[in-house]
Structure formats: structure tokens, C-alpha cells
């Protein structure tokens, strides 16, 4: 199966916008293919406001996120591969989802349940 990350990013983005809040992406600027204004980041990460008012031409595809935004008054094209997204959350209350950097999707030989036969779930805050 394909990664669930792009689908979750799109769904949570829509949920945050539908609730009149501001969606933020936390991005690893050191990941391959990331094209962001690195001078606006800290410690190898950058927070991007991806609200409809802040960006133009937002594209949330299965491979990457792209848009135009202003940084320091300069219009900039931004490109972020989906694997470089570490989290998506609402600015106002912090609700959203954090993705692990080494997240693996279960393969055909990986059981979906724990050894006790119970589903494995993660707590999302």
C-alpha cells in the first residue's frame, strides 16, 4: 500500500481550515528535495503557515506540497516532499498530527495486530 501520510495531511488541513483555524506544517529542511527559505527556519526545521490567506496555489499531492508565499515581503515558491513533513497542526490550539521521521507502513509480511492480537494504535494529541 502507499503511504497514508499525504492523505492524513490533506484531511487534517481541511479539518483545521473548516474550523476557522490556521494550519501550520513543521518541515525538516534537511530532507532531500525541500525547497524553502532556510533562513526562516531554526535547528533544521521550519514552520510554514499553509492557510488559504497565507499561500497562493496550494497543491497537496501524494508526493509533495507546493505553493507560493511571501517571506520577508518576497514572493517565494515552496516545495516540500511529503516525507519531509514532520507535523501538521492548528496554530491556535496545537491540535493536529505528528509524524515520526522513520515511519514505516506495514508491509505484506507485517501483521497488523500486536502479538496479543490487539490492534496497535498511537495516541494523537
C-alpha atoms as a PDB file:
ATOM      1  CA  UNK A   1       0.000   0.000   0.000  1.00  0.00           C
ATOM      2  CA  UNK A   2       1.042   3.591  -0.483  1.00  0.00           C
ATOM      3  CA  UNK A   3       1.902   5.857   2.435  1.00  0.00           C
ATOM      4  CA  UNK A   4      -1.029   7.249   4.393  1.00  0.00           C
ATOM      5  CA  UNK A   5       0.892  10.456   5.200  1.00  0.00           C
ATOM      6  CA  UNK A   6      -0.307  12.573   2.217  1.00  0.00           C
ATOM      7  CA  UNK A   7      -3.926  11.563   2.836  1.00  0.00           C
ATOM      8  CA  UNK A   8      -3.671  12.446   6.524  1.00  0.00           C
ATOM      9  CA  UNK A   9      -2.039  15.792   5.716  1.00  0.00           C
ATOM     10  CA  UNK A  10      -4.868  16.690   3.319  1.00  0.00           C
ATOM     11  CA  UNK A  11      -7.564  15.580   5.749  1.00  0.00           C
ATOM     12  CA  UNK A  12      -6.122  17.406   8.738  1.00  0.00           C
ATOM     13  CA  UNK A  13      -5.507  20.536   6.643  1.00  0.00           C
ATOM     14  CA  UNK A  14      -9.152  20.537   5.583  1.00  0.00           C
ATOM     15  CA  UNK A  15     -10.332  19.893   9.165  1.00  0.00           C
ATOM     16  CA  UNK A  16      -8.280  22.798  10.528  1.00  0.00           C
ATOM     17  CA  UNK A  17      -9.475  25.205   7.810  1.00  0.00           C
ATOM     18  CA  UNK A  18     -13.109  24.080   8.241  1.00  0.00           C
ATOM     19  CA  UNK A  19     -12.787  25.010  11.920  1.00  0.00           C
ATOM     20  CA  UNK A  20     -11.580  28.538  11.042  1.00  0.00           C
ATOM     21  CA  UNK A  21      -8.084  27.942  12.358  1.00  0.00           C
ATOM     22  CA  UNK A  22      -4.606  28.325  10.848  1.00  0.00           C
ATOM     23  CA  UNK A  23      -2.884  25.154   9.562  1.00  0.00           C
ATOM     24  CA  UNK A  24       0.873  25.021  10.171  1.00  0.00           C
ATOM     25  CA  UNK A  25       3.323  22.497   8.755  1.00  0.00           C
ATOM     26  CA  UNK A  26       6.512  21.580  10.583  1.00  0.00           C
ATOM     27  CA  UNK A  27       9.095  20.644   7.942  1.00  0.00           C
ATOM     28  CA  UNK A  28      12.566  19.092   8.102  1.00  0.00           C
ATOM     29  CA  UNK A  29      14.577  21.474   5.889  1.00  0.00           C
ATOM     30  CA  UNK A  30      17.443  18.960   5.678  1.00  0.00           C
ATOM     31  CA  UNK A  31      15.321  16.374   3.835  1.00  0.00           C
ATOM     32  CA  UNK A  32      16.089  15.742   0.198  1.00  0.00           C
ATOM     33  CA  UNK A  33      14.138  17.898  -2.259  1.00  0.00           C
ATOM     34  CA  UNK A  34      12.931  20.515   0.246  1.00  0.00           C
ATOM     35  CA  UNK A  35      12.899  23.995  -1.310  1.00  0.00           C
ATOM     36  CA  UNK A  36      12.048  26.573   1.376  1.00  0.00           C
ATOM     37  CA  UNK A  37      13.698  29.805   2.550  1.00  0.00           C
ATOM     38  CA  UNK A  38      16.059  28.134   5.044  1.00  0.00           C
ATOM     39  CA  UNK A  39      16.988  31.430   6.692  1.00  0.00           C
ATOM     40  CA  UNK A  40      13.491  31.491   8.246  1.00  0.00           C
ATOM     41  CA  UNK A  41      13.984  28.103   9.926  1.00  0.00           C
ATOM     42  CA  UNK A  42      15.707  27.050  13.136  1.00  0.00           C
ATOM     43  CA  UNK A  43      17.537  23.861  14.122  1.00  0.00           C
ATOM     44  CA  UNK A  44      16.961  22.269  10.712  1.00  0.00           C
ATOM     45  CA  UNK A  45      13.199  22.804  10.823  1.00  0.00           C
ATOM     46  CA  UNK A  46      10.782  25.435   9.560  1.00  0.00           C
ATOM     47  CA  UNK A  47       7.141  26.140  10.384  1.00  0.00           C
ATOM     48  CA  UNK A  48       5.019  27.068   7.362  1.00  0.00           C
ATOM     49  CA  UNK A  49       1.620  28.743   7.508  1.00  0.00           C
ATOM     50  CA  UNK A  50      -0.455  26.968   4.834  1.00  0.00           C
ATOM     51  CA  UNK A  51      -3.748  28.763   5.417  1.00  0.00           C
ATOM     52  CA  UNK A  52      -5.674  29.911   2.321  1.00  0.00           C
ATOM     53  CA  UNK A  53      -4.929  33.545   3.233  1.00  0.00           C
ATOM     54  CA  UNK A  54      -1.176  32.969   3.526  1.00  0.00           C
ATOM     55  CA  UNK A  55      -0.443  30.941   0.379  1.00  0.00           C
ATOM     56  CA  UNK A  56      -1.308  31.000  -3.297  1.00  0.00           C
ATOM     57  CA  UNK A  57      -1.729  27.936  -5.494  1.00  0.00           C
ATOM     58  CA  UNK A  58      -1.584  25.352  -2.704  1.00  0.00           C
ATOM     59  CA  UNK A  59      -1.118  21.834  -4.066  1.00  0.00           C
ATOM     60  CA  UNK A  60      -1.312  18.897  -1.651  1.00  0.00           C
ATOM     61  CA  UNK A  61      -0.361  15.891  -3.786  1.00  0.00           C
ATOM     62  CA  UNK A  62       0.672  12.376  -2.821  1.00  0.00           C
ATOM     63  CA  UNK A  63       4.328  13.232  -3.491  1.00  0.00           C
ATOM     64  CA  UNK A  64       4.750  16.830  -2.347  1.00  0.00           C
ATOM     65  CA  UNK A  65       3.255  20.083  -1.133  1.00  0.00           C
ATOM     66  CA  UNK A  66       3.777  23.176  -3.237  1.00  0.00           C
ATOM     67  CA  UNK A  67       2.669  26.808  -3.037  1.00  0.00           C
ATOM     68  CA  UNK A  68       3.739  30.440  -3.330  1.00  0.00           C
ATOM     69  CA  UNK A  69       4.086  32.567  -0.215  1.00  0.00           C
ATOM     70  CA  UNK A  70       5.764  35.755   0.924  1.00  0.00           C
ATOM     71  CA  UNK A  71       8.791  35.581   3.193  1.00  0.00           C
ATOM     72  CA  UNK A  72      10.115  38.947   4.294  1.00  0.00           C
ATOM     73  CA  UNK A  73       7.985  40.566   1.600  1.00  0.00           C
ATOM     74  CA  UNK A  74       9.492  38.438  -1.198  1.00  0.00           C
ATOM     75  CA  UNK A  75       7.253  36.060  -3.153  1.00  0.00           C
ATOM     76  CA  UNK A  76       8.781  32.580  -2.946  1.00  0.00           C
ATOM     77  CA  UNK A  77       7.957  29.202  -4.479  1.00  0.00           C
ATOM     78  CA  UNK A  78       7.910  26.496  -1.801  1.00  0.00           C
ATOM     79  CA  UNK A  79       8.233  22.770  -2.448  1.00  0.00           C
ATOM     80  CA  UNK A  80       8.125  20.160   0.318  1.00  0.00           C
ATOM     81  CA  UNK A  81       8.194  16.403  -0.320  1.00  0.00           C
ATOM     82  CA  UNK A  82       5.530  14.717   1.823  1.00  0.00           C
ATOM     83  CA  UNK A  83       8.181  12.679   3.661  1.00  0.00           C
ATOM     84  CA  UNK A  84       9.753  15.930   4.946  1.00  0.00           C
ATOM     85  CA  UNK A  85       6.552  16.923   6.792  1.00  0.00           C
ATOM     86  CA  UNK A  86       7.058  16.237  10.488  1.00  0.00           C
ATOM     87  CA  UNK A  87       3.686  17.578  11.693  1.00  0.00           C
ATOM     88  CA  UNK A  88       0.537  19.435  10.724  1.00  0.00           C
ATOM     89  CA  UNK A  89      -1.330  21.319  13.426  1.00  0.00           C
ATOM     90  CA  UNK A  90      -3.579  24.289  14.194  1.00  0.00           C
ATOM     91  CA  UNK A  91      -1.705  27.403  15.317  1.00  0.00           C
ATOM     92  CA  UNK A  92      -4.452  28.369  17.743  1.00  0.00           C
ATOM     93  CA  UNK A  93      -4.656  25.193  19.819  1.00  0.00           C
ATOM     94  CA  UNK A  94      -1.877  22.852  18.645  1.00  0.00           C
ATOM     95  CA  UNK A  95      -4.283  20.087  17.611  1.00  0.00           C
ATOM     96  CA  UNK A  96      -3.182  18.006  14.659  1.00  0.00           C
ATOM     97  CA  UNK A  97      -0.798  15.154  13.958  1.00  0.00           C
ATOM     98  CA  UNK A  98       2.916  14.500  14.397  1.00  0.00           C
ATOM     99  CA  UNK A  99       4.598  12.065  12.021  1.00  0.00           C
ATOM    100  CA  UNK A 100       7.624  10.019  13.034  1.00  0.00           C
ATOM    101  CA  UNK A 101      10.690  10.591  10.886  1.00  0.00           C
ATOM    102  CA  UNK A 102      11.242   6.875  10.282  1.00  0.00           C
ATOM    103  CA  UNK A 103       7.595   5.941   9.878  1.00  0.00           C
ATOM    104  CA  UNK A 104       7.064   2.649   8.120  1.00  0.00           C
ATOM    105  CA  UNK A 105       3.895   1.405   6.562  1.00  0.00           C
ATOM    106  CA  UNK A 106       3.120  -2.257   7.322  1.00  0.00           C
ATOM    107  CA  UNK A 107       4.360  -4.487   4.523  1.00  0.00           C
ATOM    108  CA  UNK A 108       2.712  -7.681   3.272  1.00  0.00           C
ATOM    109  CA  UNK A 109       4.646  -9.757   5.838  1.00  0.00           C
ATOM    110  CA  UNK A 110       3.964  -7.402   8.771  1.00  0.00           C
ATOM    111  CA  UNK A 111       0.987  -8.361  10.929  1.00  0.00           C
ATOM    112  CA  UNK A 112      -1.459  -5.535  11.575  1.00  0.00           C
ATOM    113  CA  UNK A 113      -2.035  -6.597  15.163  1.00  0.00           C
ATOM    114  CA  UNK A 114       0.222  -6.887  18.185  1.00  0.00           C
ATOM    115  CA  UNK A 115       1.317 -10.328  19.429  1.00  0.00           C
ATOM    116  CA  UNK A 116      -1.643 -10.304  21.832  1.00  0.00           C
ATOM    117  CA  UNK A 117      -3.971  -9.990  18.837  1.00  0.00           C
ATOM    118  CA  UNK A 118      -4.985  -6.408  19.666  1.00  0.00           C
ATOM    119  CA  UNK A 119      -4.676  -3.556  17.163  1.00  0.00           C
ATOM    120  CA  UNK A 120      -1.709  -1.227  17.573  1.00  0.00           C
ATOM    121  CA  UNK A 121      -2.844   2.362  17.991  1.00  0.00           C
ATOM    122  CA  UNK A 122      -0.973   5.624  18.563  1.00  0.00           C
ATOM    123  CA  UNK A 123      -2.164   8.423  20.797  1.00  0.00           C
ATOM    124  CA  UNK A 124      -2.577  11.590  18.720  1.00  0.00           C
ATOM    125  CA  UNK A 125      -2.830  14.860  20.569  1.00  0.00           C
END
